[in-house]
Amino acid sequence: MPRLRVLAGPSPDELFPIQANSGKPARISSDAFEGQVAVYIKGFADAEGRVTDSEYFKKRSGVTWSIQVQGRYLNGYNADELLFGNIFDRPLKLPWVFSAALRFMNFIDPTLENDLASRTRPWALSPLIATMPYFHHTRATDSGPAPSFPPPHAPINDDTSQLQTIPTATNSSGKGGKLKDSPSKRRSYFTNALRRQEVVFGPDDVVTTDFCYDFLQFSPDGIMLRLPGGISIEMTKYWDGQPVRFVCCERLNKSERTPERAWGRVLWCIVIEPAEGDEDSVGVGEKGKFSFEAFNITHALMLAGALRHASATMLHLGYEVWISDGRKERIPEYDVKYEGEDGKTIVCYIPSESGKEFQIRWKDHNGAYAPHASMKIFVDGHAVGKTRCPPGVAGKRLGISTTSADTYQPFQFANLQTTDDDDTLWGAGIPDKLGSIELHVVHVHAHVIQTAFRPAGFAGTGPVHERSKKAGAHCVE
């Protein structure tokens, strides 16, 4: 693979090299921003060809790279005026999947604005406060030191409890305290531009962010782009050498934008590019490898936008669903694919173990103005309950309700019992649904009518005929 180098600075024209995985921050200073940055890349090969790693990846498992920034915005901005994303120097050779990827990106990040098809300088930017995976804010004081950076003992956590707000039409002052330690609630809440305009950042506000994901994997053998469904693409052959540039910048009004510049002043910039002398080791791969022409590494950034708020694979039309074990850890998903001609169904396989409890969880990523929904749960073809899901929130179903809405029998995998008794051939339920867990999303009216509690009528799957066992050896009890 090409050797890489990482650069940082207050603008794309004022950059200096920094050392990834060192744990030592690099300072950035200008009349508009004062702060420091740190970059971590798992399996990173530096300009000298040395592969380095970091303790950071033990503290925050499940990610392969991280761009961390802490600093103060000296000129004063509201949260709608600060954008984060990618800007490019020349047009991108867009793959044939571009339009579908862009629709998916807008489902996941409704605040994203872009012109990736620009014939001059493509770009993709979102409000910093709404797009960052982790966002921590605190007020600077004369008597106390700034928070340690990078944090020595634990990764950056989410905290917006000290945000300063100004009254606007939303009248939501004080909401920040309710968003502490909740990245998903913070991102959903600040989907609304009026709410972003309520929040102000000035010289006394210290903002710390961690932009971290797992869809790019670095190693001495290359850079792999990992997509949902177990798809991996070796990116190095298809990188055209264009620098991969992450920026925080000012928002320009639409009337001020031009084809050459659709963003305002850049406040800080992080760049990953081939090391000097390695530019010739990247370029267009062999024709025929893909059905489109050059697939360069900037396309990974398009897909990064699609995956910003969820690394999950079971994500469709803005709704994410997953199965967690008894410790609330996500069970891995395999062979994720769409099913049916209408494109409304996504399916996958998960491993199961008899006797182990599990939970059904979901998240609405469509924002605060999406329709209300009812999540209807089916196991082995049997309805086991439904839960109302307001817009933009997460929910769960822990088991079968028994004597009250708060009393339930946990879901549990069990061995499927079989028999050769022909009387049971169709008596146990729906043969094609054995071994299945389904969540049906049904849009409903926002108003709620209270009804009397009714226990679920599912007592588990009984013995089934051998010829009915199509899905595997396990069912739900």
Protein backbone atom coordinates (compact mmCIF):
# COMPACT_ATOMS: atom_id res chain seq x y z
CA MET A 1 0.00 0.00 0.00
CA PRO A 2 1.18 3.64 -0.33
CA ARG A 3 2.79 5.20 2.70
CA LEU A 4 0.53 7.88 4.11
CA ARG A 5 0.99 11.11 5.96
CA VAL A 6 -1.40 13.18 8.04
CA LEU A 7 -1.42 16.97 7.94
CA ALA A 8 -3.25 19.53 10.06
CA GLY A 9 -3.62 23.28 10.17
CA PRO A 10 -5.96 26.26 10.35
CA SER A 11 -6.70 26.10 6.59
CA PRO A 12 -5.98 23.90 3.55
CA ASP A 13 -3.18 26.33 2.63
CA GLU A 14 -1.51 26.28 6.06
CA LEU A 15 -0.76 22.65 6.89
CA PHE A 16 1.97 20.88 8.85
CA PRO A 17 2.64 17.15 9.34
CA ILE A 18 1.41 15.45 12.52
CA GLN A 19 2.08 11.98 13.87
CA ALA A 20 -0.88 9.58 13.98
CA ASN A 21 -1.31 7.32 17.03
CA SER A 22 1.22 9.29 19.09
CA GLY A 23 -1.28 10.44 21.70
CA LYS A 24 0.41 13.86 21.53
CA PRO A 25 -1.88 16.65 20.34
CA ALA A 26 -0.87 19.14 17.68
CA ARG A 27 -1.82 22.76 18.20
CA ILE A 28 -3.79 24.83 15.70
CA SER A 29 -3.94 28.58 16.21
CA SER A 30 -5.49 31.45 14.26
CA ASP A 31 -7.51 34.56 14.95
CA ALA A 32 -10.70 32.44 14.62
CA PHE A 33 -9.84 29.13 16.31
CA GLU A 34 -7.51 28.06 19.08
CA GLY A 35 -7.19 24.35 19.78
CA GLN A 36 -5.48 21.03 19.25
CA VAL A 37 -5.98 17.87 17.21
CA ALA A 38 -5.10 14.18 17.49
CA VAL A 39 -5.51 11.46 14.88
CA TYR A 40 -5.65 7.69 15.44
CA ILE A 41 -5.60 5.14 12.62
CA LYS A 42 -5.49 1.44 13.41
CA GLY A 43 -2.77 -0.33 11.41
CA PHE A 44 -1.45 2.99 10.04
CA ALA A 45 1.75 2.91 7.95
CA ASP A 46 3.49 6.27 8.26
CA ALA A 47 5.77 8.06 5.79
CA GLU A 48 8.69 5.88 6.91
CA GLY A 49 6.69 2.68 6.40
CA ARG A 50 6.35 2.00 10.14
CA VAL A 51 3.06 0.47 11.27
CA THR A 52 1.80 2.01 14.50
CA ASP A 53 -1.19 1.47 16.76
CA SER A 54 -2.69 3.07 19.86
CA GLU A 55 -4.26 2.29 23.22
CA TYR A 56 -7.20 4.39 22.04
CA PHE A 57 -8.62 1.39 20.17
CA LYS A 58 -8.77 -0.60 23.41
CA LYS A 59 -10.74 2.18 25.08
CA ARG A 60 -13.18 2.64 22.19
CA SER A 61 -13.65 -0.77 20.61
CA GLY A 62 -15.33 -1.26 17.26
CA VAL A 63 -13.70 1.67 15.44
CA THR A 64 -10.64 1.72 13.18
CA TRP A 65 -9.92 5.44 12.91
CA SER A 66 -10.56 8.65 14.80
CA ILE A 67 -10.09 12.39 14.24
CA GLN A 68 -10.29 14.28 17.55
CA VAL A 69 -10.37 18.04 17.91
CA GLN A 70 -10.63 20.27 20.98
CA GLY A 71 -10.75 24.03 20.87
CA ARG A 72 -12.43 27.41 21.18
CA TYR A 73 -14.16 29.31 18.38
CA LEU A 74 -12.94 32.84 19.05
CA ASN A 75 -15.22 34.90 16.80
CA GLY A 76 -18.50 33.52 18.11
CA TYR A 77 -20.86 31.32 16.09
CA ASN A 78 -24.22 29.73 16.56
CA ALA A 79 -24.28 25.96 16.04
CA ASP A 80 -25.94 26.28 12.64
CA GLU A 81 -22.99 28.30 11.32
CA LEU A 82 -20.31 25.66 12.04
CA LEU A 83 -20.09 22.89 9.43
CA PHE A 84 -17.98 19.73 9.22
CA GLY A 85 -17.29 17.48 6.27
CA ASN A 86 -15.21 17.07 3.13
CA ILE A 87 -14.13 19.47 0.40
CA PHE A 88 -12.23 18.54 -2.77
CA ASP A 89 -10.01 20.32 -5.25
CA ARG A 90 -11.22 18.66 -8.43
CA PRO A 91 -14.25 16.72 -9.74
CA LEU A 92 -14.92 13.17 -8.59
CA LYS A 93 -15.42 10.24 -10.93
CA LEU A 94 -18.72 9.17 -9.45
CA PRO A 95 -19.69 5.47 -9.52
CA TRP A 96 -22.98 4.25 -10.91
CA VAL A 97 -24.27 3.69 -7.34
CA PHE A 98 -23.88 7.39 -6.54
CA SER A 99 -27.56 8.39 -6.69
CA ALA A 100 -28.64 5.49 -4.48
CA ALA A 101 -25.83 6.21 -2.00
CA LEU A 102 -26.82 9.87 -1.87
CA ARG A 103 -30.48 9.03 -1.08
CA PHE A 104 -29.25 6.75 1.69
CA MET A 105 -26.98 9.49 3.03
CA ASN A 106 -29.92 11.88 3.27
CA PHE A 107 -31.99 9.28 5.12
CA ILE A 108 -29.26 8.92 7.75
CA ASP A 109 -28.17 12.55 7.96
CA PRO A 110 -31.04 14.88 6.98
CA THR A 111 -28.81 17.89 7.76
CA LEU A 112 -26.28 16.93 5.05
CA GLU A 113 -25.82 19.38 2.17
CA ASN A 114 -23.59 18.52 -0.78
CA ASP A 115 -22.61 19.00 -4.37
CA LEU A 116 -20.48 15.92 -4.93
CA ALA A 117 -21.27 16.05 -8.65
CA SER A 118 -19.72 19.53 -8.97
CA ARG A 119 -17.54 20.01 -12.03
CA THR A 120 -15.25 22.33 -10.10
CA ARG A 121 -14.90 21.70 -6.33
CA PRO A 122 -17.18 18.97 -4.88
CA TRP A 123 -18.19 19.15 -1.23
CA ALA A 124 -20.33 17.49 1.45
CA LEU A 125 -20.96 19.29 4.75
CA SER A 126 -23.22 18.95 7.80
CA PRO A 127 -23.65 21.00 10.99
CA LEU A 128 -20.85 20.03 13.36
CA ILE A 129 -23.15 19.55 16.35
CA ALA A 130 -25.57 17.29 14.45
CA THR A 131 -23.11 15.04 12.63
CA MET A 132 -20.30 14.28 15.11
CA PRO A 133 -20.48 10.79 16.67
CA TYR A 134 -19.21 12.26 19.97
CA PHE A 135 -19.53 15.91 21.03
CA HIS A 136 -18.43 17.26 24.42
CA HIS A 137 -18.88 20.86 25.54
CA THR A 138 -17.73 22.64 28.66
CA ARG A 139 -17.33 26.25 29.74
CA ALA A 140 -13.77 27.55 30.10
CA THR A 141 -12.94 29.16 33.45
CA ASP A 142 -10.05 31.35 34.54
CA SER A 143 -9.51 29.28 37.67
CA GLY A 144 -9.60 25.77 36.22
CA PRO A 145 -7.58 24.05 33.49
CA ALA A 146 -9.10 22.96 30.19
CA PRO A 147 -10.11 19.29 29.97
CA SER A 148 -7.22 16.93 29.24
CA PHE A 149 -6.74 16.24 25.55
CA PRO A 150 -6.70 13.60 24.33
CA PRO A 151 -8.44 12.12 27.38
CA PRO A 152 -5.86 9.88 29.11
CA HIS A 153 -8.14 7.27 30.67
CA ALA A 154 -11.39 7.08 28.68
CA PRO A 155 -12.55 8.18 25.22
CA ILE A 156 -14.47 11.41 24.68
CA ASN A 157 -18.03 11.14 25.94
CA ASP A 158 -21.11 13.10 24.88
CA ASP A 159 -22.07 16.07 27.06
CA THR A 160 -24.05 19.15 26.03
CA SER A 161 -25.36 19.98 29.50
CA GLN A 162 -23.50 23.32 29.70
CA LEU A 163 -24.53 24.69 26.30
CA GLN A 164 -25.48 28.36 26.30
CA THR A 165 -28.70 29.14 24.44
CA ILE A 166 -30.56 32.21 23.26
CA PRO A 167 -34.38 32.37 23.00
CA THR A 168 -35.87 31.59 19.58
CA ALA A 169 -39.18 30.38 18.20
CA THR A 170 -38.62 26.85 19.53
CA ASN A 171 -38.54 28.06 23.15
CA SER A 172 -36.42 25.05 24.11
CA SER A 173 -33.83 26.69 26.36
CA GLY A 174 -32.31 24.26 28.86
CA LYS A 175 -32.72 21.16 26.73
CA GLY A 176 -28.96 20.55 26.66
CA GLY A 177 -28.92 19.04 30.15
CA LYS A 178 -31.25 16.25 29.01
CA LEU A 179 -28.89 15.27 26.18
CA LYS A 180 -25.90 14.30 28.34
CA ASP A 181 -24.31 10.96 27.37
CA SER A 182 -26.76 10.51 24.51
CA PRO A 183 -25.19 11.01 21.04
CA SER A 184 -28.31 9.79 19.23
CA LYS A 185 -30.64 12.17 21.10
CA ARG A 186 -28.25 15.06 20.54
CA ARG A 187 -28.03 14.40 16.79
CA SER A 188 -31.78 13.99 16.48
CA TYR A 189 -32.52 17.11 18.53
CA PHE A 190 -30.20 19.31 16.46
CA THR A 191 -31.65 18.16 13.16
CA ASN A 192 -33.83 21.27 13.56
CA ALA A 193 -31.98 24.38 12.28
CA LEU A 194 -33.84 26.66 14.73
CA ARG A 195 -32.53 24.62 17.64
CA ARG A 196 -29.00 24.88 16.26
CA GLN A 197 -29.41 28.65 15.99
CA GLU A 198 -30.26 28.81 19.71
CA VAL A 199 -26.82 27.51 20.71
CA VAL A 200 -23.88 29.91 20.69
CA PHE A 201 -20.15 29.14 20.88
CA GLY A 202 -17.68 31.82 21.90
CA PRO A 203 -14.18 32.17 23.36
CA ASP A 204 -15.36 30.74 26.70
CA ASP A 205 -16.72 27.51 25.18
CA VAL A 206 -14.44 24.48 24.84
CA VAL A 207 -15.75 22.00 22.26
CA THR A 208 -14.25 18.51 21.96
CA THR A 209 -15.27 16.14 19.17
CA ASP A 210 -14.42 12.60 18.09
CA PHE A 211 -15.14 11.65 14.48
CA CYS A 212 -14.63 7.88 14.59
CA TYR A 213 -15.87 4.94 12.50
CA ASP A 214 -14.98 1.47 11.31
CA PHE A 215 -15.78 1.39 7.59
CA LEU A 216 -12.13 2.00 6.60
CA GLN A 217 -9.54 -0.57 7.68
CA PHE A 218 -5.84 0.22 7.28
CA SER A 219 -3.06 -2.37 7.05
CA PRO A 220 0.34 -2.82 5.33
CA ASP A 221 -1.54 -4.67 2.57
CA GLY A 222 -3.90 -1.83 1.71
CA ILE A 223 -6.94 0.22 2.70
CA MET A 224 -10.17 -1.77 2.81
CA LEU A 225 -13.60 -0.21 2.55
CA ARG A 226 -16.05 -2.40 4.47
CA LEU A 227 -19.69 -2.10 3.47
CA PRO A 228 -22.91 -3.64 4.84
CA GLY A 229 -23.50 -7.24 3.83
CA GLY A 230 -19.87 -8.31 4.27
CA ILE A 231 -18.68 -6.49 1.11
CA SER A 232 -15.03 -5.32 1.16
CA ILE A 233 -13.26 -3.24 -1.48
CA GLU A 234 -9.48 -2.77 -1.62
CA MET A 235 -9.30 0.99 -2.06
CA THR A 236 -5.62 1.61 -2.77
CA LYS A 237 -5.81 0.54 -6.42
CA TYR A 238 -8.65 2.97 -7.06
CA TRP A 239 -7.37 6.02 -5.22
CA ASP A 240 -6.47 8.81 -7.63
CA GLY A 241 -4.17 10.44 -5.06
CA GLN A 242 -6.49 13.37 -4.30
CA PRO A 243 -6.02 14.42 -0.66
CA VAL A 244 -8.76 13.31 1.72
CA ARG A 245 -9.61 16.55 3.47
CA PHE A 246 -11.77 16.95 6.61
CA VAL A 247 -12.65 20.53 7.50
CA CYS A 248 -14.63 22.58 9.97
CA CYS A 249 -15.78 25.75 8.26
CA GLU A 250 -18.25 28.60 8.33
CA ARG A 251 -21.58 28.26 6.57
CA LEU A 252 -22.17 30.47 3.55
CA ASN A 253 -25.64 31.69 2.72
CA LYS A 254 -26.92 30.17 -0.50
CA SER A 255 -26.89 33.60 -2.14
CA GLU A 256 -23.15 33.86 -1.43
CA ARG A 257 -22.16 30.46 -2.82
CA THR A 258 -20.32 30.08 -6.11
CA PRO A 259 -19.39 26.96 -8.14
CA GLU A 260 -15.79 27.40 -6.98
CA ARG A 261 -16.61 27.94 -3.31
CA ALA A 262 -19.76 26.86 -1.52
CA TRP A 263 -18.39 27.16 2.01
CA GLY A 264 -17.02 29.96 4.17
CA ARG A 265 -13.77 30.31 6.00
CA VAL A 266 -12.08 27.06 7.03
CA LEU A 267 -11.36 27.08 10.77
CA TRP A 268 -9.37 23.84 10.97
CA CYS A 269 -8.38 21.15 8.52
CA ILE A 270 -7.12 17.54 8.69
CA VAL A 271 -5.69 15.89 5.57
CA ILE A 272 -4.73 12.28 4.77
CA GLU A 273 -2.69 11.90 1.58
CA PRO A 274 0.07 9.75 0.02
CA ALA A 275 3.50 10.48 1.43
CA GLU A 276 5.90 12.34 -0.83
CA GLY A 277 7.30 9.97 -3.43
CA ASP A 278 4.37 7.56 -3.16
CA GLU A 279 1.96 9.42 -5.44
CA ASP A 280 2.73 7.01 -8.29
CA SER A 281 1.73 3.99 -6.19
CA VAL A 282 -1.93 4.97 -6.24
CA GLY A 283 -4.18 5.21 -9.24
CA VAL A 284 -6.80 3.57 -11.38
CA GLY A 285 -7.11 -0.18 -10.93
CA GLU A 286 -7.47 -2.76 -13.65
CA LYS A 287 -10.50 -2.32 -15.86
CA GLY A 288 -13.05 -5.00 -15.37
CA LYS A 289 -12.49 -5.16 -11.62
CA PHE A 290 -15.68 -3.12 -11.24
CA SER A 291 -18.40 -2.19 -13.69
CA PHE A 292 -17.58 1.51 -13.29
CA GLU A 293 -14.29 3.24 -14.06
CA ALA A 294 -11.95 4.60 -11.41
CA PHE A 295 -13.27 4.05 -7.88
CA ASN A 296 -11.16 6.46 -5.85
CA ILE A 297 -10.96 6.77 -2.10
CA THR A 298 -13.22 9.82 -2.00
CA HIS A 299 -16.14 7.51 -2.74
CA ALA A 300 -15.51 5.98 0.66
CA LEU A 301 -16.28 9.39 2.09
CA MET A 302 -19.62 9.46 0.29
CA LEU A 303 -20.45 6.16 1.92
CA ALA A 304 -19.05 7.52 5.17
CA GLY A 305 -21.82 10.10 5.09
CA ALA A 306 -24.31 7.29 4.70
CA LEU A 307 -22.85 5.47 7.68
CA ARG A 308 -22.18 8.47 9.93
CA HIS A 309 -24.91 7.82 12.47
CA ALA A 310 -24.98 4.05 12.39
CA SER A 311 -22.42 1.38 11.73
CA ALA A 312 -25.30 -1.08 11.58
CA THR A 313 -26.09 -3.17 8.54
CA MET A 314 -29.82 -3.74 9.25
CA LEU A 315 -30.77 -0.19 8.31
CA HIS A 316 -33.52 0.50 5.78
CA LEU A 317 -35.57 3.60 4.95
CA GLY A 318 -34.15 5.32 8.02
CA TYR A 319 -35.09 2.55 10.48
CA GLU A 320 -32.42 0.43 12.14
CA VAL A 321 -33.14 -2.88 13.91
CA TRP A 322 -30.85 -5.28 15.70
CA ILE A 323 -30.90 -8.19 18.13
CA SER A 324 -28.87 -7.90 21.32
CA ASP A 325 -27.90 -10.62 23.76
CA GLY A 326 -28.60 -10.68 27.49
CA ARG A 327 -25.69 -8.28 28.08
CA LYS A 328 -27.20 -5.77 25.63
CA GLU A 329 -24.40 -6.40 23.13
CA ARG A 330 -25.33 -6.47 19.47
CA ILE A 331 -25.41 -9.90 17.86
CA PRO A 332 -23.52 -9.80 14.53
CA GLU A 333 -25.51 -9.86 11.30
CA TYR A 334 -24.62 -11.84 8.16
CA ASP A 335 -25.75 -11.93 4.54
CA VAL A 336 -27.77 -8.73 4.77
CA LYS A 337 -29.91 -8.24 1.66
CA TYR A 338 -33.16 -6.84 0.36
CA GLU A 339 -36.10 -9.14 -0.27
CA GLY A 340 -39.24 -8.75 -2.35
CA GLU A 341 -39.96 -6.67 -5.44
CA ASP A 342 -41.26 -3.62 -3.55
CA GLY A 343 -37.92 -2.95 -1.80
CA LYS A 344 -39.59 -2.62 1.60
CA THR A 345 -37.96 -5.62 3.33
CA ILE A 346 -34.38 -6.17 4.49
CA VAL A 347 -33.27 -9.52 5.96
CA CYS A 348 -30.18 -11.12 7.49
CA TYR A 349 -29.00 -14.11 9.52
CA ILE A 350 -27.78 -14.02 13.13
CA PRO A 351 -26.12 -16.75 15.22
CA SER A 352 -28.24 -18.26 18.01
CA GLU A 353 -27.54 -20.46 21.00
CA SER A 354 -30.18 -22.51 22.80
CA GLY A 355 -30.96 -21.20 26.27
CA LYS A 356 -29.60 -17.70 25.61
CA GLU A 357 -31.86 -14.69 26.14
CA PHE A 358 -32.10 -11.89 23.58
CA GLN A 359 -33.75 -8.51 23.05
CA ILE A 360 -35.21 -6.83 19.95
CA ARG A 361 -34.07 -3.22 19.54
CA TRP A 362 -34.66 -0.46 16.99
CA LYS A 363 -33.86 3.18 16.23
CA ASP A 364 -35.62 5.72 14.02
CA HIS A 365 -32.93 7.79 12.26
CA ASN A 366 -35.41 9.87 10.25
CA GLY A 367 -35.40 12.83 12.62
CA ALA A 368 -37.91 14.59 14.82
CA TYR A 369 -40.38 15.26 12.02
CA ALA A 370 -40.77 11.72 10.73
CA PRO A 371 -44.10 9.89 11.10
CA HIS A 372 -44.98 8.13 14.32
CA ALA A 373 -44.69 4.37 14.01
CA SER A 374 -45.92 1.18 15.61
CA MET A 375 -43.27 -1.57 15.83
CA LYS A 376 -45.02 -4.93 15.49
CA ILE A 377 -42.98 -7.95 16.57
CA PHE A 378 -43.36 -11.51 15.24
CA VAL A 379 -41.35 -14.58 16.27
CA ASP A 380 -41.68 -17.92 14.49
CA GLY A 381 -44.61 -16.37 12.59
CA HIS A 382 -46.58 -15.45 15.74
CA ALA A 383 -47.44 -11.89 16.80
CA VAL A 384 -45.95 -11.22 20.25
CA GLY A 385 -46.70 -7.53 20.77
CA LYS A 386 -46.32 -4.03 19.43
CA THR A 387 -44.67 -0.87 20.72
CA ARG A 388 -45.31 2.73 19.74
CA CYS A 389 -42.21 4.55 18.46
CA PRO A 390 -42.27 8.39 18.36
CA PRO A 391 -40.12 10.05 15.66
CA GLY A 392 -36.35 9.95 16.07
CA VAL A 393 -36.17 7.71 19.13
CA ALA A 394 -34.90 4.25 20.00
CA GLY A 395 -36.95 1.44 21.49
CA LYS A 396 -36.79 -2.17 22.54
CA ARG A 397 -38.85 -5.26 23.22
CA LEU A 398 -37.41 -7.41 25.99
CA GLY A 399 -39.86 -10.30 25.92
CA ILE A 400 -43.49 -11.45 26.02
CA SER A 401 -45.80 -9.37 28.21
CA THR A 402 -47.52 -11.58 30.78
CA THR A 403 -49.59 -10.10 33.62
CA SER A 404 -48.94 -6.38 32.97
CA ALA A 405 -47.20 -4.06 30.53
CA ASP A 406 -44.15 -3.99 32.82
CA THR A 407 -44.01 -7.75 33.43
CA TYR A 408 -42.60 -9.98 30.76
CA GLN A 409 -40.98 -13.30 30.04
CA PRO A 410 -37.63 -12.68 28.31
CA PHE A 411 -37.18 -13.86 24.73
CA GLN A 412 -34.99 -16.95 24.61
CA PHE A 413 -33.57 -19.14 21.88
CA ALA A 414 -34.57 -22.80 22.19
CA ASN A 415 -34.02 -26.06 20.37
CA LEU A 416 -36.70 -26.76 17.79
CA GLN A 417 -38.60 -29.94 18.73
CA THR A 418 -39.58 -32.16 15.83
CA THR A 419 -41.90 -35.13 15.40
CA ASP A 420 -43.02 -37.44 12.59
CA ASP A 421 -46.68 -37.19 13.70
CA ASP A 422 -48.58 -36.04 10.59
CA ASP A 423 -51.20 -34.37 12.81
CA THR A 424 -48.63 -31.69 13.67
CA LEU A 425 -47.71 -30.96 10.05
CA TRP A 426 -49.58 -27.64 10.05
CA GLY A 427 -50.67 -27.40 13.67
CA ALA A 428 -47.65 -25.65 15.18
CA GLY A 429 -47.84 -22.40 13.29
CA ILE A 430 -46.41 -21.07 10.04
CA PRO A 431 -43.72 -23.42 8.69
CA ASP A 432 -42.00 -20.82 6.51
CA LYS A 433 -41.61 -18.50 9.52
CA LEU A 434 -39.97 -20.97 11.91
CA GLY A 435 -36.66 -19.64 13.14
CA SER A 436 -37.52 -16.05 12.20
CA ILE A 437 -37.72 -12.76 14.13
CA GLU A 438 -39.60 -9.98 12.34
CA LEU A 439 -40.19 -6.30 13.03
CA HIS A 440 -42.90 -4.61 10.95
CA VAL A 441 -42.83 -0.79 10.86
CA VAL A 442 -46.35 0.64 10.52
CA HIS A 443 -46.88 4.41 10.34
CA VAL A 444 -49.62 5.59 12.73
CA HIS A 445 -51.31 8.82 13.83
CA ALA A 446 -49.52 10.89 16.45
CA HIS A 447 -52.39 10.90 18.96
CA VAL A 448 -52.51 8.07 21.51
CA ILE A 449 -55.62 6.30 22.78
CA GLN A 450 -55.13 4.43 26.05
CA THR A 451 -56.41 0.86 25.91
CA ALA A 452 -56.64 -1.89 28.49
CA PHE A 453 -53.64 -4.21 28.79
CA ARG A 454 -53.92 -7.52 26.96
CA PRO A 455 -51.29 -10.20 27.54
CA ALA A 456 -49.60 -11.70 24.50
CA GLY A 457 -51.07 -15.03 23.47
CA PHE A 458 -47.79 -16.69 22.50
CA ALA A 459 -46.64 -19.63 24.62
CA GLY A 460 -43.68 -20.70 22.51
CA THR A 461 -43.36 -22.99 19.51
CA GLY A 462 -44.37 -26.56 20.17
CA PRO A 463 -43.23 -29.71 18.32
CA VAL A 464 -43.28 -29.39 14.53
CA HIS A 465 -43.21 -31.98 11.81
CA GLU A 466 -39.76 -32.78 10.43
CA ARG A 467 -40.82 -31.56 7.00
CA SER A 468 -41.65 -28.15 8.49
CA LYS A 469 -38.11 -27.48 9.73
CA LYS A 470 -36.69 -25.19 7.08
CA ALA A 471 -35.01 -22.39 8.99
CA GLY A 472 -32.63 -24.30 11.26
CA ALA A 473 -32.51 -26.00 14.62
CA HIS A 474 -33.66 -23.12 16.86
CA CYS A 475 -36.92 -21.33 17.61
CA VAL A 476 -38.08 -18.85 20.28
CA GLU A 477 -39.71 -19.63 23.60
